[in-house]
């Protein structure tokens, strides 16, 4: 994994994790626990890295 791939991975992870954590109340759902948000963020960031690699 090169430096730019790592930067994109971390950026995707942070954005997806925070969005998953805080978007729930805006659409009428309960707030997602941190563990679930982090897990989902890692999965989405990995898929993005695998597609881009």
Protein backbone atom coordinates (compact mmCIF):
# COMPACT_ATOMS: atom_id res chain seq x y z
CA UNK A 1 0.00 0.00 0.00
CA UNK A 2 1.56 3.27 -1.10
CA UNK A 3 1.28 6.53 0.79
CA UNK A 4 -1.52 7.89 -1.39
CA UNK A 5 -3.50 4.64 -1.04
CA UNK A 6 -3.07 4.84 2.73
CA UNK A 7 -4.30 8.45 2.76
CA UNK A 8 -7.40 7.54 0.74
CA UNK A 9 -8.03 4.50 2.97
CA UNK A 10 -7.84 6.59 6.16
CA UNK A 11 -9.97 9.41 4.70
CA UNK A 12 -12.64 6.96 3.56
CA UNK A 13 -12.56 5.19 6.92
CA UNK A 14 -12.97 8.44 8.89
CA UNK A 15 -15.75 9.85 6.69
CA UNK A 16 -17.77 6.61 6.57
CA UNK A 17 -17.33 5.97 10.31
CA UNK A 18 -18.46 9.47 11.32
CA UNK A 19 -21.32 9.45 8.82
CA UNK A 20 -22.50 6.05 10.05
CA UNK A 21 -22.28 7.24 13.65
CA UNK A 22 -24.09 10.56 13.30
CA UNK A 23 -26.45 10.31 10.30
CA UNK A 24 -28.97 8.02 12.04
CA UNK A 25 -30.91 10.68 13.99
CA UNK A 26 -31.36 12.73 10.79
CA UNK A 27 -33.27 9.88 9.16
CA UNK A 28 -35.25 8.88 12.24
CA UNK A 29 -33.08 6.00 13.42
CA UNK A 30 -31.17 5.56 16.68
CA UNK A 31 -27.52 6.55 16.77
CA UNK A 32 -25.17 3.73 15.73
CA UNK A 33 -22.75 2.53 18.44
CA UNK A 34 -19.05 3.29 17.87
CA UNK A 35 -18.14 -0.38 17.47
CA UNK A 36 -20.63 -0.88 14.65
CA UNK A 37 -19.67 2.39 12.95
CA UNK A 38 -15.95 1.55 13.06
CA UNK A 39 -16.57 -1.96 11.72
CA UNK A 40 -18.70 -0.62 8.86
CA UNK A 41 -16.09 2.07 8.13
CA UNK A 42 -13.32 -0.53 7.91
CA UNK A 43 -15.38 -2.74 5.59
CA UNK A 44 -16.24 0.13 3.22
CA UNK A 45 -12.65 1.48 3.24
CA UNK A 46 -11.30 -2.01 2.47
CA UNK A 47 -13.75 -2.47 -0.41
CA UNK A 48 -12.74 0.91 -1.80
CA UNK A 49 -9.06 0.03 -1.50
CA UNK A 50 -9.61 -3.39 -3.15
CA UNK A 51 -11.46 -1.82 -6.08
CA UNK A 52 -8.82 0.87 -6.53
CA UNK A 53 -5.82 -1.45 -6.17
